[in-house]
Amino acid sequence: MMRPDDSSLSSGELLKVETIATNLLHRSDAWGAVPLPLGDVLAAAKLKLAPYSVFDPRSIKAYIAVKGTQVAKTIKSAIGKIFGILDASEEIIHIDDSLTPGKQLFLTLHETGHFELPHQRKLFRFFEDSEQELEPSIADQFEREANNFARFVMFNGDAFKQRAADMPLAFASIKKLQSQFKTSMYASIREYARTHHQVCFVAALEPTEVRSALGICAPVRRVEVSPSYERMFGRPQTTLITPGHALWPLIPLGGRRVTRPTTFILTDLNGDQHEFIGEALDTTFNILLFACPKKAFRTS
């Protein structure tokens, strides 16, 4: 099942979030710095990373002893569902340190967004990434705002987009950008598609599974498309990739981790067919697909 939208905001809402994010980048002298100097950003925000992880069961008791019974109940119910917590009263961020460095970076900046966005900080003294304490629509809005804040700071405004425009349109470019920005591949591939000026799209799939009525298949987790792709082809609504689907040949099977450039056909909104070329990477967490028109594909 495709995940619900996690980032859409109105143009006015997005402008407010990005203005606050830009202010933090300037306060920390991090504007234009790649990779992001996270320590400087946190110092400018007057936040600290916890010296121990509250997600480590051995640390939960110590944290609960200080924070009290109500927080104990909250933490116990939330563990397993969340990966980052902002303790606004102590100005401390707790991140699950078992996650990959790229994921930890995003979560740290996401929690920083909760703290930096004034309307969120005023409302919460202890903010956790859970909807248990919030009316669902408010929680969803706050999460999308924090996601956009993290994305803007992590990719340093348009820095990622500008570098991508100067590189060949290919999966190899995404890997190079991911290495430069020290972000997760998942975040990098989404940013690449949604900000690129050329026609392209990416899909994040769940690992393949076998269903009784369908056989082997790959559920779609998220899809991102470039603005020019959406104008020509619309936004894909497929929730499941099965044998016979145009994207099926891209899925690495039989122990393979990557799929080399492979051609397939897509039909645009006018009914015209276009030859695309796609690549894929199995990260073990997700299968990440990238595709663009064959005539635009470049390896160097």
Protein backbone atom coordinates (compact mmCIF):
# COMPACT_ATOMS: atom_id res chain seq x y z
CA MET A 1 0.00 0.00 0.00
CA MET A 2 1.36 3.40 -0.98
CA ARG A 3 2.31 5.53 2.01
CA PRO A 4 0.20 8.65 2.68
CA ASP A 5 1.52 12.02 1.57
CA ASP A 6 4.24 13.20 3.94
CA SER A 7 5.31 16.55 2.55
CA SER A 8 2.61 18.53 0.71
CA LEU A 9 2.03 22.07 1.96
CA SER A 10 0.37 25.11 0.40
CA SER A 11 2.76 27.57 -1.26
CA GLY A 12 2.29 29.98 1.64
CA GLU A 13 2.93 27.32 4.27
CA LEU A 14 6.01 26.08 2.43
CA LEU A 15 7.39 29.62 2.12
CA LYS A 16 7.08 30.15 5.89
CA VAL A 17 8.87 26.87 6.64
CA GLU A 18 11.67 27.55 4.14
CA THR A 19 12.14 31.11 5.42
CA ILE A 20 12.68 29.81 8.96
CA ALA A 21 15.00 27.07 7.65
CA THR A 22 16.99 29.62 5.65
CA ASN A 23 17.34 31.78 8.75
CA LEU A 24 18.82 28.83 10.68
CA LEU A 25 21.27 28.06 7.88
CA HIS A 26 22.50 31.66 7.94
CA ARG A 27 22.66 31.79 11.77
CA SER A 28 24.87 28.71 11.72
CA ASP A 29 27.01 29.93 8.78
CA ALA A 30 25.98 26.74 7.01
CA TRP A 31 24.39 28.30 3.91
CA GLY A 32 26.00 26.66 0.89
CA ALA A 33 28.05 24.21 2.97
CA VAL A 34 28.07 20.64 1.62
CA PRO A 35 27.91 18.38 3.51
CA LEU A 36 25.88 20.13 6.16
CA PRO A 37 27.81 20.99 9.37
CA LEU A 38 25.18 19.49 11.64
CA GLY A 39 26.94 20.45 14.86
CA ASP A 40 26.93 24.13 13.87
CA VAL A 41 23.25 23.96 12.92
CA LEU A 42 22.28 22.41 16.25
CA ALA A 43 24.39 24.94 18.14
CA ALA A 44 22.66 27.82 16.35
CA ALA A 45 19.29 26.29 17.24
CA LYS A 46 20.45 25.87 20.86
CA LEU A 47 19.77 22.15 20.71
CA LYS A 48 21.85 19.15 21.72
CA LEU A 49 21.84 15.49 20.76
CA ALA A 50 21.33 13.23 23.76
CA PRO A 51 24.56 11.59 24.93
CA TYR A 52 22.66 8.30 25.17
CA SER A 53 19.80 6.93 23.14
CA VAL A 54 16.43 6.77 24.84
CA PHE A 55 15.65 4.04 22.32
CA ASP A 56 18.18 1.74 23.97
CA PRO A 57 16.15 -0.33 26.49
CA ARG A 58 18.98 0.03 29.00
CA SER A 59 18.55 3.81 28.91
CA ILE A 60 14.77 3.98 29.14
CA LYS A 61 14.68 3.44 32.91
CA ALA A 62 17.16 6.25 33.57
CA TYR A 63 15.28 8.66 31.32
CA ILE A 64 11.93 7.77 32.87
CA ALA A 65 13.29 8.27 36.38
CA VAL A 66 14.07 11.88 35.56
CA LYS A 67 11.05 12.74 33.43
CA GLY A 68 8.30 11.16 35.53
CA THR A 69 5.36 8.77 35.27
CA GLN A 70 3.45 10.41 32.41
CA VAL A 71 6.51 10.50 30.16
CA ALA A 72 7.22 6.90 31.14
CA LYS A 73 3.79 5.91 29.85
CA THR A 74 4.29 7.90 26.66
CA ILE A 75 7.74 6.51 25.93
CA LYS A 76 6.72 2.92 26.60
CA SER A 77 3.73 3.22 24.25
CA ALA A 78 5.76 4.97 21.57
CA ILE A 79 8.89 2.81 21.48
CA GLY A 80 8.83 0.76 18.28
CA LYS A 81 6.74 3.35 16.43
CA ILE A 82 9.06 6.36 16.48
CA PHE A 83 12.73 7.03 15.84
CA GLY A 84 13.18 10.61 17.04
CA ILE A 85 12.02 12.60 20.05
CA LEU A 86 12.38 16.30 20.84
CA ASP A 87 12.42 17.11 24.54
CA ALA A 88 11.78 20.83 24.12
CA SER A 89 11.96 21.59 27.85
CA GLU A 90 15.53 20.25 28.01
CA GLU A 91 16.40 21.33 24.44
CA ILE A 92 17.60 17.80 23.69
CA ILE A 93 16.97 15.58 20.67
CA HIS A 94 16.90 11.81 21.06
CA ILE A 95 17.60 9.79 17.90
CA ASP A 96 17.62 6.03 17.47
CA ASP A 97 21.33 5.47 16.91
CA SER A 98 20.76 2.05 15.39
CA LEU A 99 19.59 3.78 12.20
CA THR A 100 21.84 4.60 9.26
CA PRO A 101 23.74 7.94 9.44
CA GLY A 102 21.65 9.39 6.60
CA LYS A 103 18.40 8.55 8.37
CA GLN A 104 19.73 9.94 11.64
CA LEU A 105 20.59 13.21 9.87
CA PHE A 106 17.07 13.60 8.51
CA LEU A 107 15.44 12.77 11.85
CA THR A 108 17.70 15.18 13.73
CA LEU A 109 16.73 17.99 11.37
CA HIS A 110 13.07 16.94 11.49
CA GLU A 111 13.10 17.30 15.30
CA THR A 112 14.97 20.60 14.92
CA GLY A 113 12.12 21.76 12.71
CA HIS A 114 9.62 21.05 15.48
CA PHE A 115 11.73 23.27 17.74
CA GLU A 116 12.47 26.07 15.26
CA LEU A 117 8.92 26.49 13.93
CA PRO A 118 7.47 28.96 16.47
CA HIS A 119 3.87 27.75 16.42
CA GLN A 120 5.03 24.20 17.14
CA ARG A 121 7.49 25.09 19.88
CA LYS A 122 4.90 27.20 21.71
CA LEU A 123 2.41 24.35 21.73
CA PHE A 124 4.69 21.63 23.02
CA ARG A 125 7.21 21.38 25.81
CA PHE A 126 7.71 17.70 25.16
CA PHE A 127 7.13 16.86 21.50
CA GLU A 128 7.31 13.30 20.31
CA ASP A 129 6.76 11.92 16.83
CA SER A 130 3.48 10.28 17.64
CA GLU A 131 -0.13 11.25 17.05
CA GLN A 132 -1.24 9.99 20.45
CA GLU A 133 -1.11 13.44 22.05
CA LEU A 134 -2.39 15.40 19.04
CA GLU A 135 -5.55 15.69 17.01
CA PRO A 136 -4.62 13.71 13.86
CA SER A 137 -4.99 16.56 11.36
CA ILE A 138 -2.74 18.83 13.46
CA ALA A 139 -0.18 16.07 13.90
CA ASP A 140 -0.15 15.44 10.16
CA GLN A 141 0.33 19.14 9.39
CA PHE A 142 3.15 19.46 11.91
CA GLU A 143 4.90 16.37 10.52
CA ARG A 144 4.72 17.66 6.95
CA GLU A 145 6.08 21.03 8.07
CA ALA A 146 8.96 19.36 9.94
CA ASN A 147 9.68 17.10 6.95
CA ASN A 148 9.96 20.10 4.65
CA PHE A 149 12.13 21.94 7.15
CA ALA A 150 14.49 18.95 7.35
CA ARG A 151 14.56 18.52 3.61
CA PHE A 152 15.37 22.21 2.99
CA VAL A 153 18.19 22.31 5.56
CA MET A 154 19.60 18.90 4.64
CA PHE A 155 19.84 19.75 0.94
CA ASN A 156 20.86 23.34 1.70
CA GLY A 157 18.12 25.12 -0.17
CA ASP A 158 18.63 24.61 -3.90
CA ALA A 159 22.20 23.32 -3.63
CA PHE A 160 21.22 19.72 -4.41
CA LYS A 161 19.00 20.79 -7.31
CA GLN A 162 21.71 23.00 -8.80
CA ARG A 163 24.35 20.28 -8.64
CA ALA A 164 21.96 17.72 -10.12
CA ALA A 165 21.28 20.01 -13.09
CA ASP A 166 25.00 20.01 -13.94
CA MET A 167 25.28 16.21 -13.88
CA PRO A 168 24.17 13.52 -16.35
CA LEU A 169 20.55 12.38 -15.96
CA ALA A 170 21.22 8.96 -14.43
CA PHE A 171 21.15 6.92 -11.23
CA ALA A 172 24.93 7.32 -10.98
CA SER A 173 24.44 11.05 -10.43
CA ILE A 174 22.07 10.41 -7.54
CA LYS A 175 24.68 8.18 -5.90
CA LYS A 176 27.33 10.89 -6.26
CA LEU A 177 25.02 13.52 -4.79
CA GLN A 178 24.06 11.23 -1.93
CA SER A 179 27.75 10.79 -1.12
CA GLN A 180 28.40 14.54 -1.26
CA PHE A 181 25.45 15.54 0.95
CA LYS A 182 25.82 12.52 3.33
CA THR A 183 22.09 11.88 3.11
CA SER A 184 20.21 8.61 2.80
CA MET A 185 19.73 7.16 -0.68
CA TYR A 186 15.97 7.18 -0.06
CA ALA A 187 15.91 10.93 0.64
CA SER A 188 18.36 11.69 -2.16
CA ILE A 189 16.47 9.86 -4.89
CA ARG A 190 13.19 11.53 -3.88
CA GLU A 191 14.81 14.97 -3.91
CA TYR A 192 16.41 14.29 -7.29
CA ALA A 193 13.14 13.53 -9.03
CA ARG A 194 10.95 16.16 -7.42
CA THR A 195 13.38 19.02 -8.15
CA HIS A 196 14.89 18.02 -11.50
CA HIS A 197 14.16 20.18 -14.54
CA GLN A 198 14.12 17.22 -16.92
CA VAL A 199 11.52 14.45 -17.32
CA CYS A 200 12.15 11.69 -14.79
CA PHE A 201 10.52 9.74 -11.98
CA VAL A 202 11.52 7.52 -9.09
CA ALA A 203 9.67 4.88 -7.12
CA ALA A 204 10.47 3.38 -3.74
CA LEU A 205 9.12 -0.15 -3.49
CA GLU A 206 8.82 -2.45 -0.52
CA PRO A 207 10.82 -5.69 -0.76
CA THR A 208 9.22 -8.25 -3.04
CA GLU A 209 6.68 -10.61 -1.50
CA VAL A 210 4.51 -13.51 -2.61
CA ARG A 211 0.72 -13.17 -2.51
CA SER A 212 -1.54 -16.14 -3.00
CA ALA A 213 -3.64 -14.62 -5.79
CA LEU A 214 -0.84 -12.72 -7.56
CA GLY A 215 2.41 -14.54 -6.98
CA ILE A 216 5.55 -12.47 -6.58
CA CYS A 217 5.03 -8.70 -6.51
CA ALA A 218 6.47 -5.47 -5.11
CA PRO A 219 4.21 -3.01 -3.22
CA VAL A 220 4.79 0.65 -4.04
CA ARG A 221 5.88 2.72 -1.03
CA ARG A 222 6.26 6.16 -2.65
CA VAL A 223 6.54 7.75 -6.08
CA GLU A 224 8.17 11.09 -6.90
CA VAL A 225 8.05 12.74 -10.32
CA SER A 226 9.67 15.80 -11.80
CA PRO A 227 7.33 18.70 -12.70
CA SER A 228 7.91 18.13 -16.41
CA TYR A 229 7.12 14.41 -16.05
CA GLU A 230 3.84 15.18 -14.31
CA ARG A 231 2.82 17.59 -17.07
CA MET A 232 3.40 14.91 -19.73
CA PHE A 233 2.43 11.69 -17.96
CA GLY A 234 0.51 12.64 -14.83
CA ARG A 235 1.33 11.14 -11.43
CA PRO A 236 1.51 7.32 -11.30
CA GLN A 237 -1.21 5.73 -9.18
CA THR A 238 0.08 2.17 -9.25
CA THR A 239 0.20 0.59 -5.80
CA LEU A 240 1.60 -2.81 -6.79
CA ILE A 241 4.20 -3.86 -9.37
CA THR A 242 3.51 -7.34 -10.73
CA PRO A 243 4.91 -9.39 -13.62
CA GLY A 244 3.59 -7.84 -16.82
CA HIS A 245 3.80 -4.28 -15.48
CA ALA A 246 6.07 -1.95 -17.47
CA LEU A 247 8.35 -1.49 -14.46
CA TRP A 248 8.68 -5.18 -13.58
CA PRO A 249 11.89 -5.73 -15.65
CA LEU A 250 13.60 -3.12 -13.45
CA ILE A 251 13.16 -5.06 -10.20
CA PRO A 252 16.34 -6.87 -9.12
CA LEU A 253 15.55 -10.54 -8.59
CA GLY A 254 17.53 -13.70 -7.97
CA GLY A 255 19.89 -12.17 -5.44
CA ARG A 256 20.82 -9.19 -7.61
CA ARG A 257 21.24 -5.81 -5.88
CA VAL A 258 21.10 -3.66 -9.01
CA THR A 259 19.37 -3.58 -12.36
CA ARG A 260 21.46 -2.19 -15.18
CA PRO A 261 19.91 0.34 -17.60
CA THR A 262 16.82 -1.34 -19.05
CA THR A 263 14.39 0.04 -21.63
CA PHE A 264 10.60 0.02 -21.42
CA ILE A 265 7.64 1.92 -22.87
CA LEU A 266 5.39 4.49 -21.16
CA THR A 267 2.32 6.17 -22.63
CA ASP A 268 1.80 9.89 -22.02
CA LEU A 269 -1.48 11.74 -21.32
CA ASN A 270 -2.03 12.23 -25.07
CA GLY A 271 -1.73 8.51 -25.80
CA ASP A 272 1.75 8.80 -27.34
CA GLN A 273 4.35 6.19 -26.46
CA HIS A 274 7.85 7.03 -25.25
CA GLU A 275 10.90 4.85 -24.77
CA PHE A 276 12.25 5.12 -21.23
CA ILE A 277 15.33 3.70 -19.61
CA GLY A 278 15.40 2.70 -15.96
CA GLU A 279 17.77 1.47 -13.27
CA ALA A 280 17.21 0.05 -9.80
CA LEU A 281 18.97 -0.55 -6.51
CA ASP A 282 17.91 -2.98 -3.79
CA THR A 283 18.96 -1.42 -0.47
CA THR A 284 17.46 -4.36 1.51
CA PHE A 285 15.08 -1.81 3.09
CA ASN A 286 13.56 -0.71 -0.23
CA ILE A 287 13.91 -1.19 -3.95
CA LEU A 288 14.65 2.20 -5.48
CA LEU A 289 13.82 2.75 -9.16
CA PHE A 290 14.90 5.65 -11.36
CA ALA A 291 13.72 6.22 -14.94
CA CYS A 292 13.88 8.90 -17.63
CA PRO A 293 13.37 9.13 -21.41
CA LYS A 294 16.02 7.11 -23.22
CA LYS A 295 17.03 10.08 -25.35
CA ALA A 296 17.83 12.11 -22.20
CA PHE A 297 19.73 9.36 -20.38
CA ARG A 298 23.44 10.01 -20.02
CA THR A 299 26.19 8.07 -18.27
CA SER A 300 28.82 10.78 -18.58
